[in-house]
């Protein structure tokens, strides 16, 4: 069974509310909503970029390994 067939098969077992959620998600991934960051988010982005430029960051592999 391919992925498409498996998805379609599983749709039959979902409630109407769950199907509404699936449809909403499908619409979202087909046409993602454009979101503009607000002033606070822009400030956080700038601070993150500044920290990264200074080398103040942790590699994902290190974080992932520490969490295990």
C-alpha atoms as a PDB file:
ATOM      1  CA  UNK A   1       0.000   0.000   0.000  1.00  0.00           C
ATOM      2  CA  UNK A   2       1.445   3.378  -0.947  1.00  0.00           C
ATOM      3  CA  UNK A   3       1.318   6.473   1.226  1.00  0.00           C
ATOM      4  CA  UNK A   4      -1.666   8.039  -0.558  1.00  0.00           C
ATOM      5  CA  UNK A   5      -3.706   4.843  -0.204  1.00  0.00           C
ATOM      6  CA  UNK A   6      -2.827   4.536   3.467  1.00  0.00           C
ATOM      7  CA  UNK A   7      -3.894   8.130   4.143  1.00  0.00           C
ATOM      8  CA  UNK A   8      -7.193   7.664   2.310  1.00  0.00           C
ATOM      9  CA  UNK A   9      -7.856   4.396   4.165  1.00  0.00           C
ATOM     10  CA  UNK A  10      -7.290   6.095   7.528  1.00  0.00           C
ATOM     11  CA  UNK A  11      -9.608   8.994   6.709  1.00  0.00           C
ATOM     12  CA  UNK A  12     -12.586   6.643   6.993  1.00  0.00           C
ATOM     13  CA  UNK A  13     -11.914   6.114  10.695  1.00  0.00           C
ATOM     14  CA  UNK A  14     -11.846   9.820  11.609  1.00  0.00           C
ATOM     15  CA  UNK A  15     -14.665  11.806  13.198  1.00  0.00           C
ATOM     16  CA  UNK A  16     -16.171  14.798  11.412  1.00  0.00           C
ATOM     17  CA  UNK A  17     -14.245  17.146  13.742  1.00  0.00           C
ATOM     18  CA  UNK A  18     -10.975  15.378  12.950  1.00  0.00           C
ATOM     19  CA  UNK A  19     -11.738  15.525   9.231  1.00  0.00           C
ATOM     20  CA  UNK A  20     -12.266  19.279   9.522  1.00  0.00           C
ATOM     21  CA  UNK A  21      -8.823  19.513  11.126  1.00  0.00           C
ATOM     22  CA  UNK A  22      -7.279  17.449   8.341  1.00  0.00           C
ATOM     23  CA  UNK A  23      -8.869  19.664   5.709  1.00  0.00           C
ATOM     24  CA  UNK A  24      -7.659  22.808   7.485  1.00  0.00           C
ATOM     25  CA  UNK A  25      -4.137  21.402   7.584  1.00  0.00           C
ATOM     26  CA  UNK A  26      -4.235  20.455   3.894  1.00  0.00           C
ATOM     27  CA  UNK A  27      -5.330  23.981   2.996  1.00  0.00           C
ATOM     28  CA  UNK A  28      -2.563  25.420   5.178  1.00  0.00           C
ATOM     29  CA  UNK A  29       0.234  23.362   3.623  1.00  0.00           C
ATOM     30  CA  UNK A  30      -1.018  24.126   0.123  1.00  0.00           C
ATOM     31  CA  UNK A  31      -1.104  27.878   0.788  1.00  0.00           C
ATOM     32  CA  UNK A  32       0.760  28.814   3.988  1.00  0.00           C
ATOM     33  CA  UNK A  33      -0.388  31.961   5.722  1.00  0.00           C
ATOM     34  CA  UNK A  34       2.010  34.876   5.395  1.00  0.00           C
ATOM     35  CA  UNK A  35       2.812  36.259   8.832  1.00  0.00           C
ATOM     36  CA  UNK A  36       4.748  39.431   9.519  1.00  0.00           C
ATOM     37  CA  UNK A  37       6.709  39.458  12.790  1.00  0.00           C
ATOM     38  CA  UNK A  38       5.735  42.125  15.310  1.00  0.00           C
ATOM     39  CA  UNK A  39       8.217  44.526  16.937  1.00  0.00           C
ATOM     40  CA  UNK A  40       9.011  42.157  19.816  1.00  0.00           C
ATOM     41  CA  UNK A  41       9.667  39.266  17.446  1.00  0.00           C
ATOM     42  CA  UNK A  42      11.863  41.439  15.212  1.00  0.00           C
ATOM     43  CA  UNK A  43      13.899  42.394  18.281  1.00  0.00           C
ATOM     44  CA  UNK A  44      14.302  38.714  19.261  1.00  0.00           C
ATOM     45  CA  UNK A  45      15.369  37.837  15.711  1.00  0.00           C
ATOM     46  CA  UNK A  46      17.962  40.638  15.703  1.00  0.00           C
ATOM     47  CA  UNK A  47      19.304  39.524  19.090  1.00  0.00           C
ATOM     48  CA  UNK A  48      19.561  35.936  17.850  1.00  0.00           C
ATOM     49  CA  UNK A  49      21.386  36.981  14.704  1.00  0.00           C
ATOM     50  CA  UNK A  50      23.783  39.097  16.771  1.00  0.00           C
ATOM     51  CA  UNK A  51      24.482  36.216  19.176  1.00  0.00           C
ATOM     52  CA  UNK A  52      25.037  33.840  16.255  1.00  0.00           C
ATOM     53  CA  UNK A  53      27.461  36.283  14.607  1.00  0.00           C
ATOM     54  CA  UNK A  54      29.448  36.376  17.867  1.00  0.00           C
ATOM     55  CA  UNK A  55      29.549  32.590  17.956  1.00  0.00           C
ATOM     56  CA  UNK A  56      27.226  32.418  20.958  1.00  0.00           C
ATOM     57  CA  UNK A  57      25.209  29.339  20.035  1.00  0.00           C
ATOM     58  CA  UNK A  58      24.966  25.602  20.656  1.00  0.00           C
ATOM     59  CA  UNK A  59      24.978  22.977  17.916  1.00  0.00           C
ATOM     60  CA  UNK A  60      21.772  20.970  17.613  1.00  0.00           C
ATOM     61  CA  UNK A  61      23.695  17.685  17.800  1.00  0.00           C
ATOM     62  CA  UNK A  62      25.098  18.713  21.208  1.00  0.00           C
ATOM     63  CA  UNK A  63      21.659  19.639  22.533  1.00  0.00           C
ATOM     64  CA  UNK A  64      20.117  16.454  21.179  1.00  0.00           C
ATOM     65  CA  UNK A  65      22.881  14.310  22.706  1.00  0.00           C
ATOM     66  CA  UNK A  66      22.602  16.039  26.100  1.00  0.00           C
ATOM     67  CA  UNK A  67      18.839  15.442  26.205  1.00  0.00           C
ATOM     68  CA  UNK A  68      19.170  11.679  25.853  1.00  0.00           C
END
